[in-house]
């Protein structure tokens, strides 16, 4: 995901802008892996293989999200790993 996209993204739940981004792997201006976080509703959206997965809760893949959180426990802040919606470690 190009970091410039953050200027256009809003939370799909509450339309909050701006959102926070946490990079766990990046190359120049491209975020390969990381998370987008909404401070208003406390939801996280993973970035996997350069693609931000910003779906409403009912369309999210819990298994994929939990694997992402497990893999990135030491790289992401506690507010995502332990407190973010829709689920956390």
PDB file of N, CA and C in Angstrom:
ATOM      1  N   UNK A   1       0.847  -1.163   0.000  1.00  0.00           N
ATOM      2  CA  UNK A   1       0.000   0.000   0.000  1.00  0.00           C
ATOM      3  C   UNK A   1       0.894   1.227   0.000  1.00  0.00           C
ATOM      4  N   UNK A   2       0.655   2.098  -0.894  1.00  0.00           N
ATOM      5  CA  UNK A   2       1.397   3.346  -0.922  1.00  0.00           C
ATOM      6  C   UNK A   2       0.954   4.206   0.263  1.00  0.00           C
ATOM      7  N   UNK A   3       1.909   4.772   0.977  1.00  0.00           N
ATOM      8  CA  UNK A   3       1.589   5.581   2.169  1.00  0.00           C
ATOM      9  C   UNK A   3       0.698   6.779   1.838  1.00  0.00           C
ATOM     10  N   UNK A   4       0.742   7.242   0.620  1.00  0.00           N
ATOM     11  CA  UNK A   4      -0.098   8.385   0.214  1.00  0.00           C
ATOM     12  C   UNK A   4      -1.586   8.046   0.266  1.00  0.00           C
ATOM     13  N   UNK A   5      -1.919   6.758   0.221  1.00  0.00           N
ATOM     14  CA  UNK A   5      -3.328   6.349   0.310  1.00  0.00           C
ATOM     15  C   UNK A   5      -3.962   6.759   1.633  1.00  0.00           C
ATOM     16  N   UNK A   6      -3.142   6.941   2.665  1.00  0.00           N
ATOM     17  CA  UNK A   6      -3.675   7.309   3.976  1.00  0.00           C
ATOM     18  C   UNK A   6      -4.419   8.646   3.927  1.00  0.00           C
ATOM     19  N   UNK A   7      -4.117   9.468   2.936  1.00  0.00           N
ATOM     20  CA  UNK A   7      -4.816  10.747   2.774  1.00  0.00           C
ATOM     21  C   UNK A   7      -6.243  10.569   2.264  1.00  0.00           C
ATOM     22  N   UNK A   8      -6.577   9.350   1.818  1.00  0.00           N
ATOM     23  CA  UNK A   8      -7.901   9.097   1.242  1.00  0.00           C
ATOM     24  C   UNK A   8      -8.740   8.106   2.047  1.00  0.00           C
ATOM     25  N   UNK A   9      -8.098   7.338   2.921  1.00  0.00           N
ATOM     26  CA  UNK A   9      -8.812   6.268   3.621  1.00  0.00           C
ATOM     27  C   UNK A   9      -9.585   6.779   4.837  1.00  0.00           C
ATOM     28  N   UNK A  10     -10.792   6.255   5.003  1.00  0.00           N
ATOM     29  CA  UNK A  10     -11.613   6.524   6.191  1.00  0.00           C
ATOM     30  C   UNK A  10     -12.046   5.182   6.766  1.00  0.00           C
ATOM     31  N   UNK A  11     -12.359   5.169   8.026  1.00  0.00           N
ATOM     32  CA  UNK A  11     -12.845   3.954   8.676  1.00  0.00           C
ATOM     33  C   UNK A  11     -14.202   3.575   8.065  1.00  0.00           C
ATOM     34  N   UNK A  12     -14.385   2.322   7.630  1.00  0.00           N
ATOM     35  CA  UNK A  12     -15.667   1.922   7.045  1.00  0.00           C
ATOM     36  C   UNK A  12     -16.814   1.866   8.062  1.00  0.00           C
ATOM     37  N   UNK A  13     -16.491   1.856   9.341  1.00  0.00           N
ATOM     38  CA  UNK A  13     -17.527   1.770  10.373  1.00  0.00           C
ATOM     39  C   UNK A  13     -18.067   3.145  10.732  1.00  0.00           C
ATOM     40  N   UNK A  14     -17.171   4.090  11.047  1.00  0.00           N
ATOM     41  CA  UNK A  14     -17.633   5.398  11.525  1.00  0.00           C
ATOM     42  C   UNK A  14     -17.158   6.582  10.678  1.00  0.00           C
ATOM     43  N   UNK A  15     -16.501   6.292   9.575  1.00  0.00           N
ATOM     44  CA  UNK A  15     -16.036   7.321   8.620  1.00  0.00           C
ATOM     45  C   UNK A  15     -14.991   8.263   9.207  1.00  0.00           C
ATOM     46  N   UNK A  16     -14.301   7.825  10.257  1.00  0.00           N
ATOM     47  CA  UNK A  16     -13.258   8.626  10.905  1.00  0.00           C
ATOM     48  C   UNK A  16     -12.094   8.876   9.947  1.00  0.00           C
ATOM     49  N   UNK A  17     -11.592  10.108   9.982  1.00  0.00           N
ATOM     50  CA  UNK A  17     -10.401  10.514   9.233  1.00  0.00           C
ATOM     51  C   UNK A  17      -9.678  11.540  10.074  1.00  0.00           C
ATOM     52  N   UNK A  18      -8.398  11.504  10.177  1.00  0.00           N
ATOM     53  CA  UNK A  18      -7.459  10.543   9.609  1.00  0.00           C
ATOM     54  C   UNK A  18      -7.340   9.300  10.475  1.00  0.00           C
ATOM     55  N   UNK A  19      -6.734   8.279   9.891  1.00  0.00           N
ATOM     56  CA  UNK A  19      -6.468   7.023  10.581  1.00  0.00           C
ATOM     57  C   UNK A  19      -4.973   6.920  10.862  1.00  0.00           C
ATOM     58  N   UNK A  20      -4.615   6.096  11.858  1.00  0.00           N
ATOM     59  CA  UNK A  20      -3.203   5.870  12.167  1.00  0.00           C
ATOM     60  C   UNK A  20      -2.700   4.667  11.382  1.00  0.00           C
ATOM     61  N   UNK A  21      -1.420   4.698  11.039  1.00  0.00           N
ATOM     62  CA  UNK A  21      -0.814   3.556  10.362  1.00  0.00           C
ATOM     63  C   UNK A  21       0.394   3.087  11.158  1.00  0.00           C
ATOM     64  N   UNK A  22       0.523   1.778  11.277  1.00  0.00           N
ATOM     65  CA  UNK A  22       1.658   1.159  11.957  1.00  0.00           C
ATOM     66  C   UNK A  22       2.291   0.185  10.973  1.00  0.00           C
ATOM     67  N   UNK A  23       3.544   0.425  10.648  1.00  0.00           N
ATOM     68  CA  UNK A  23       4.248  -0.400   9.672  1.00  0.00           C
ATOM     69  C   UNK A  23       5.071  -1.468  10.375  1.00  0.00           C
ATOM     70  N   UNK A  24       4.935  -2.709   9.934  1.00  0.00           N
ATOM     71  CA  UNK A  24       5.794  -3.769  10.440  1.00  0.00           C
ATOM     72  C   UNK A  24       6.819  -4.167   9.390  1.00  0.00           C
ATOM     73  N   UNK A  25       6.510  -3.886   8.128  1.00  0.00           N
ATOM     74  CA  UNK A  25       7.455  -4.108   7.036  1.00  0.00           C
ATOM     75  C   UNK A  25       7.139  -3.109   5.935  1.00  0.00           C
ATOM     76  N   UNK A  26       8.162  -2.397   5.463  1.00  0.00           N
ATOM     77  CA  UNK A  26       7.947  -1.430   4.395  1.00  0.00           C
ATOM     78  C   UNK A  26       9.178  -1.338   3.500  1.00  0.00           C
ATOM     79  N   UNK A  27       8.938  -0.826   2.291  1.00  0.00           N
ATOM     80  CA  UNK A  27       9.995  -0.570   1.315  1.00  0.00           C
ATOM     81  C   UNK A  27       9.720   0.801   0.722  1.00  0.00           C
ATOM     82  N   UNK A  28      10.582   1.765   1.039  1.00  0.00           N
ATOM     83  CA  UNK A  28      10.419   3.139   0.571  1.00  0.00           C
ATOM     84  C   UNK A  28       9.043   3.678   0.978  1.00  0.00           C
ATOM     85  N   UNK A  29       8.207   4.014   0.023  1.00  0.00           N
ATOM     86  CA  UNK A  29       6.882   4.577   0.310  1.00  0.00           C
ATOM     87  C   UNK A  29       5.782   3.516   0.331  1.00  0.00           C
ATOM     88  N   UNK A  30       6.151   2.243   0.296  1.00  0.00           N
ATOM     89  CA  UNK A  30       5.185   1.147   0.243  1.00  0.00           C
ATOM     90  C   UNK A  30       5.165   0.399   1.581  1.00  0.00           C
ATOM     91  N   UNK A  31       3.973   0.259   2.148  1.00  0.00           N
ATOM     92  CA  UNK A  31       3.809  -0.556   3.356  1.00  0.00           C
ATOM     93  C   UNK A  31       3.473  -1.967   2.897  1.00  0.00           C
ATOM     94  N   UNK A  32       4.369  -2.905   3.165  1.00  0.00           N
ATOM     95  CA  UNK A  32       4.175  -4.299   2.772  1.00  0.00           C
ATOM     96  C   UNK A  32       3.259  -4.984   3.781  1.00  0.00           C
ATOM     97  N   UNK A  33       3.512  -4.724   5.065  1.00  0.00           N
ATOM     98  CA  UNK A  33       2.684  -5.292   6.124  1.00  0.00           C
ATOM     99  C   UNK A  33       2.588  -4.298   7.267  1.00  0.00           C
ATOM    100  N   UNK A  34       1.429  -4.275   7.907  1.00  0.00           N
ATOM    101  CA  UNK A  34       1.214  -3.368   9.026  1.00  0.00           C
ATOM    102  C   UNK A  34      -0.257  -3.335   9.383  1.00  0.00           C
ATOM    103  N   UNK A  35      -0.653  -2.257  10.036  1.00  0.00           N
ATOM    104  CA  UNK A  35      -2.052  -2.134  10.448  1.00  0.00           C
ATOM    105  C   UNK A  35      -2.485  -0.681  10.372  1.00  0.00           C
ATOM    106  N   UNK A  36      -3.749  -0.515  10.055  1.00  0.00           N
ATOM    107  CA  UNK A  36      -4.400   0.792  10.086  1.00  0.00           C
ATOM    108  C   UNK A  36      -5.311   0.763  11.309  1.00  0.00           C
ATOM    109  N   UNK A  37      -5.343   1.873  12.050  1.00  0.00           N
ATOM    110  CA  UNK A  37      -6.094   1.899  13.306  1.00  0.00           C
ATOM    111  C   UNK A  37      -6.984   3.136  13.354  1.00  0.00           C
ATOM    112  N   UNK A  38      -8.230   2.927  13.783  1.00  0.00           N
ATOM    113  CA  UNK A  38      -9.177   4.021  13.969  1.00  0.00           C
ATOM    114  C   UNK A  38      -9.263   4.351  15.455  1.00  0.00           C
ATOM    115  N   UNK A  39      -8.865   5.558  15.831  1.00  0.00           N
ATOM    116  CA  UNK A  39      -8.928   5.975  17.232  1.00  0.00           C
ATOM    117  C   UNK A  39     -10.356   6.147  17.739  1.00  0.00           C
ATOM    118  N   UNK A  40     -11.276   6.427  16.851  1.00  0.00           N
ATOM    119  CA  UNK A  40     -12.659   6.677  17.270  1.00  0.00           C
ATOM    120  C   UNK A  40     -13.382   5.392  17.697  1.00  0.00           C
ATOM    121  N   UNK A  41     -13.286   4.335  16.890  1.00  0.00           N
ATOM    122  CA  UNK A  41     -14.005   3.090  17.209  1.00  0.00           C
ATOM    123  C   UNK A  41     -13.073   1.966  17.681  1.00  0.00           C
ATOM    124  N   UNK A  42     -11.786   2.225  17.731  1.00  0.00           N
ATOM    125  CA  UNK A  42     -10.766   1.272  18.206  1.00  0.00           C
ATOM    126  C   UNK A  42     -10.664   0.006  17.356  1.00  0.00           C
ATOM    127  N   UNK A  43     -10.937   0.127  16.063  1.00  0.00           N
ATOM    128  CA  UNK A  43     -10.794  -1.022  15.170  1.00  0.00           C
ATOM    129  C   UNK A  43      -9.459  -0.961  14.447  1.00  0.00           C
ATOM    130  N   UNK A  44      -8.932  -2.160  14.168  1.00  0.00           N
ATOM    131  CA  UNK A  44      -7.718  -2.247  13.361  1.00  0.00           C
ATOM    132  C   UNK A  44      -8.063  -2.925  12.044  1.00  0.00           C
ATOM    133  N   UNK A  45      -7.287  -2.589  11.031  1.00  0.00           N
ATOM    134  CA  UNK A  45      -7.429  -3.179   9.707  1.00  0.00           C
ATOM    135  C   UNK A  45      -6.033  -3.591   9.256  1.00  0.00           C
ATOM    136  N   UNK A  46      -5.820  -4.884   9.003  1.00  0.00           N
ATOM    137  CA  UNK A  46      -4.482  -5.332   8.627  1.00  0.00           C
ATOM    138  C   UNK A  46      -4.105  -4.907   7.210  1.00  0.00           C
ATOM    139  N   UNK A  47      -2.821  -4.718   7.018  1.00  0.00           N
ATOM    140  CA  UNK A  47      -2.255  -4.547   5.686  1.00  0.00           C
ATOM    141  C   UNK A  47      -1.436  -5.807   5.456  1.00  0.00           C
ATOM    142  N   UNK A  48      -1.833  -6.594   4.470  1.00  0.00           N
ATOM    143  CA  UNK A  48      -1.183  -7.870   4.190  1.00  0.00           C
ATOM    144  C   UNK A  48      -0.789  -7.893   2.716  1.00  0.00           C
ATOM    145  N   UNK A  49       0.488  -8.126   2.458  1.00  0.00           N
ATOM    146  CA  UNK A  49       1.016  -8.152   1.095  1.00  0.00           C
ATOM    147  C   UNK A  49       0.627  -6.881   0.335  1.00  0.00           C
ATOM    148  N   UNK A  50       0.810  -5.744   0.993  1.00  0.00           N
ATOM    149  CA  UNK A  50       0.578  -4.395   0.440  1.00  0.00           C
ATOM    150  C   UNK A  50      -0.895  -4.039   0.270  1.00  0.00           C
ATOM    151  N   UNK A  51      -1.812  -4.877   0.750  1.00  0.00           N
ATOM    152  CA  UNK A  51      -3.244  -4.618   0.560  1.00  0.00           C
ATOM    153  C   UNK A  51      -3.906  -4.325   1.905  1.00  0.00           C
ATOM    154  N   UNK A  52      -4.496  -3.123   2.054  1.00  0.00           N
ATOM    155  CA  UNK A  52      -5.254  -2.840   3.282  1.00  0.00           C
ATOM    156  C   UNK A  52      -6.601  -3.567   3.221  1.00  0.00           C
ATOM    157  N   UNK A  53      -6.889  -4.336   4.263  1.00  0.00           N
ATOM    158  CA  UNK A  53      -8.137  -5.099   4.300  1.00  0.00           C
ATOM    159  C   UNK A  53      -9.092  -4.366   5.234  1.00  0.00           C
ATOM    160  N   UNK A  54      -9.893  -3.492   4.643  1.00  0.00           N
ATOM    161  CA  UNK A  54     -10.768  -2.599   5.417  1.00  0.00           C
ATOM    162  C   UNK A  54     -12.224  -2.988   5.201  1.00  0.00           C
ATOM    163  N   UNK A  55     -12.605  -4.077   5.837  1.00  0.00           N
ATOM    164  CA  UNK A  55     -13.964  -4.597   5.709  1.00  0.00           C
ATOM    165  C   UNK A  55     -14.742  -4.387   7.007  1.00  0.00           C
ATOM    166  N   UNK A  56     -16.078  -4.285   6.918  1.00  0.00           N
ATOM    167  CA  UNK A  56     -16.883  -4.246   8.136  1.00  0.00           C
ATOM    168  C   UNK A  56     -16.748  -5.576   8.882  1.00  0.00           C
ATOM    169  N   UNK A  57     -17.021  -5.552  10.164  1.00  0.00           N
ATOM    170  CA  UNK A  57     -16.806  -6.716  11.040  1.00  0.00           C
ATOM    171  C   UNK A  57     -17.415  -8.011  10.493  1.00  0.00           C
ATOM    172  N   UNK A  58     -18.637  -7.950  10.003  1.00  0.00           N
ATOM    173  CA  UNK A  58     -19.324  -9.172   9.571  1.00  0.00           C
ATOM    174  C   UNK A  58     -18.700  -9.807   8.330  1.00  0.00           C
ATOM    175  N   UNK A  59     -17.861  -9.076   7.601  1.00  0.00           N
ATOM    176  CA  UNK A  59     -17.218  -9.623   6.410  1.00  0.00           C
ATOM    177  C   UNK A  59     -15.756  -9.992   6.631  1.00  0.00           C
ATOM    178  N   UNK A  60     -15.267  -9.773   7.830  1.00  0.00           N
ATOM    179  CA  UNK A  60     -13.862 -10.046   8.115  1.00  0.00           C
ATOM    180  C   UNK A  60     -13.610 -11.524   8.337  1.00  0.00           C
ATOM    181  N   UNK A  61     -12.396 -11.944   8.009  1.00  0.00           N
ATOM    182  CA  UNK A  61     -11.953 -13.324   8.186  1.00  0.00           C
ATOM    183  C   UNK A  61     -11.225 -13.403   9.527  1.00  0.00           C
ATOM    184  N   UNK A  62     -11.911 -13.896  10.546  1.00  0.00           N
ATOM    185  CA  UNK A  62     -11.338 -13.924  11.894  1.00  0.00           C
ATOM    186  C   UNK A  62     -10.041 -14.717  11.937  1.00  0.00           C
ATOM    187  N   UNK A  63      -9.992 -15.846  11.253  1.00  0.00           N
ATOM    188  CA  UNK A  63      -8.783 -16.672  11.253  1.00  0.00           C
ATOM    189  C   UNK A  63      -7.595 -15.882  10.696  1.00  0.00           C
ATOM    190  N   UNK A  64      -7.801 -15.206   9.592  1.00  0.00           N
ATOM    191  CA  UNK A  64      -6.734 -14.403   8.984  1.00  0.00           C
ATOM    192  C   UNK A  64      -6.299 -13.275   9.919  1.00  0.00           C
ATOM    193  N   UNK A  65      -7.255 -12.591  10.523  1.00  0.00           N
ATOM    194  CA  UNK A  65      -6.929 -11.495  11.446  1.00  0.00           C
ATOM    195  C   UNK A  65      -6.165 -12.000  12.674  1.00  0.00           C
ATOM    196  N   UNK A  66      -6.574 -13.134  13.229  1.00  0.00           N
ATOM    197  CA  UNK A  66      -5.894 -13.673  14.408  1.00  0.00           C
ATOM    198  C   UNK A  66      -4.475 -14.131  14.075  1.00  0.00           C
ATOM    199  N   UNK A  67      -4.297 -14.734  12.909  1.00  0.00           N
ATOM    200  CA  UNK A  67      -2.943 -15.111  12.470  1.00  0.00           C
ATOM    201  C   UNK A  67      -2.070 -13.868  12.308  1.00  0.00           C
ATOM    202  N   UNK A  68      -2.647 -12.803  11.750  1.00  0.00           N
ATOM    203  CA  UNK A  68      -1.927 -11.541  11.588  1.00  0.00           C
ATOM    204  C   UNK A  68      -1.515 -10.976  12.951  1.00  0.00           C
ATOM    205  N   UNK A  69      -2.435 -10.968  13.913  1.00  0.00           N
ATOM    206  CA  UNK A  69      -2.120 -10.455  15.248  1.00  0.00           C
ATOM    207  C   UNK A  69      -1.057 -11.300  15.943  1.00  0.00           C
ATOM    208  N   UNK A  70      -1.180 -12.613  15.844  1.00  0.00           N
ATOM    209  CA  UNK A  70      -0.179 -13.501  16.453  1.00  0.00           C
ATOM    210  C   UNK A  70       1.203 -13.250  15.860  1.00  0.00           C
ATOM    211  N   UNK A  71       1.261 -13.142  14.557  1.00  0.00           N
ATOM    212  CA  UNK A  71       2.539 -12.931  13.860  1.00  0.00           C
ATOM    213  C   UNK A  71       3.187 -11.600  14.239  1.00  0.00           C
ATOM    214  N   UNK A  72       2.372 -10.583  14.497  1.00  0.00           N
ATOM    215  CA  UNK A  72       2.889  -9.233  14.719  1.00  0.00           C
ATOM    216  C   UNK A  72       2.784  -8.753  16.165  1.00  0.00           C
ATOM    217  N   UNK A  73       2.642  -9.667  17.117  1.00  0.00           N
ATOM    218  CA  UNK A  73       2.481  -9.292  18.527  1.00  0.00           C
ATOM    219  C   UNK A  73       3.568  -8.357  19.029  1.00  0.00           C
ATOM    220  N   UNK A  74       4.791  -8.579  18.612  1.00  0.00           N
ATOM    221  CA  UNK A  74       5.904  -7.783  19.126  1.00  0.00           C
ATOM    222  C   UNK A  74       6.163  -6.524  18.310  1.00  0.00           C
ATOM    223  N   UNK A  75       5.478  -6.380  17.172  1.00  0.00           N
ATOM    224  CA  UNK A  75       5.732  -5.251  16.276  1.00  0.00           C
ATOM    225  C   UNK A  75       4.644  -4.176  16.333  1.00  0.00           C
ATOM    226  N   UNK A  76       3.470  -4.536  16.812  1.00  0.00           N
ATOM    227  CA  UNK A  76       2.344  -3.595  16.849  1.00  0.00           C
ATOM    228  C   UNK A  76       2.075  -3.142  18.285  1.00  0.00           C
ATOM    229  N   UNK A  77       1.486  -1.951  18.448  1.00  0.00           N
ATOM    230  CA  UNK A  77       1.219  -1.462  19.808  1.00  0.00           C
ATOM    231  C   UNK A  77       0.153  -2.279  20.534  1.00  0.00           C
ATOM    232  N   UNK A  78       0.203  -2.190  21.853  1.00  0.00           N
ATOM    233  CA  UNK A  78      -0.727  -2.925  22.702  1.00  0.00           C
ATOM    234  C   UNK A  78      -2.180  -2.585  22.395  1.00  0.00           C
ATOM    235  N   UNK A  79      -2.466  -1.343  22.024  1.00  0.00           N
ATOM    236  CA  UNK A  79      -3.860  -0.969  21.753  1.00  0.00           C
ATOM    237  C   UNK A  79      -4.448  -1.766  20.587  1.00  0.00           C
ATOM    238  N   UNK A  80      -3.599  -2.273  19.709  1.00  0.00           N
ATOM    239  CA  UNK A  80      -4.084  -3.137  18.630  1.00  0.00           C
ATOM    240  C   UNK A  80      -4.080  -4.589  19.079  1.00  0.00           C
ATOM    241  N   UNK A  81      -2.980  -5.050  19.612  1.00  0.00           N
ATOM    242  CA  UNK A  81      -2.840  -6.460  19.978  1.00  0.00           C
ATOM    243  C   UNK A  81      -3.808  -6.880  21.078  1.00  0.00           C
ATOM    244  N   UNK A  82      -3.992  -6.056  22.094  1.00  0.00           N
ATOM    245  CA  UNK A  82      -4.793  -6.484  23.252  1.00  0.00           C
ATOM    246  C   UNK A  82      -6.168  -5.833  23.388  1.00  0.00           C
ATOM    247  N   UNK A  83      -6.422  -4.740  22.656  1.00  0.00           N
ATOM    248  CA  UNK A  83      -7.678  -4.020  22.897  1.00  0.00           C
ATOM    249  C   UNK A  83      -8.506  -3.716  21.662  1.00  0.00           C
ATOM    250  N   UNK A  84      -7.954  -3.852  20.471  1.00  0.00           N
ATOM    251  CA  UNK A  84      -8.658  -3.425  19.261  1.00  0.00           C
ATOM    252  C   UNK A  84      -9.855  -4.311  18.941  1.00  0.00           C
ATOM    253  N   UNK A  85     -10.804  -3.717  18.275  1.00  0.00           N
ATOM    254  CA  UNK A  85     -11.986  -4.447  17.809  1.00  0.00           C
ATOM    255  C   UNK A  85     -11.713  -4.907  16.384  1.00  0.00           C
ATOM    256  N   UNK A  86     -12.342  -5.885  15.853  1.00  0.00           N
ATOM    257  CA  UNK A  86     -13.414  -6.658  16.443  1.00  0.00           C
ATOM    258  C   UNK A  86     -12.915  -7.785  17.342  1.00  0.00           C
ATOM    259  N   UNK A  87     -11.620  -8.122  17.282  1.00  0.00           N
ATOM    260  CA  UNK A  87     -11.070  -9.129  18.184  1.00  0.00           C
ATOM    261  C   UNK A  87      -9.619  -8.787  18.477  1.00  0.00           C
ATOM    262  N   UNK A  88      -9.096  -9.431  19.485  1.00  0.00           N
ATOM    263  CA  UNK A  88      -7.713  -9.183  19.890  1.00  0.00           C
ATOM    264  C   UNK A  88      -7.160 -10.430  20.562  1.00  0.00           C
ATOM    265  N   UNK A  89      -5.841 -10.426  20.783  1.00  0.00           N
ATOM    266  CA  UNK A  89      -5.159 -11.589  21.374  1.00  0.00           C
ATOM    267  C   UNK A  89      -5.442 -11.641  22.854  1.00  0.00           C
TER     268      UNK A  89
END
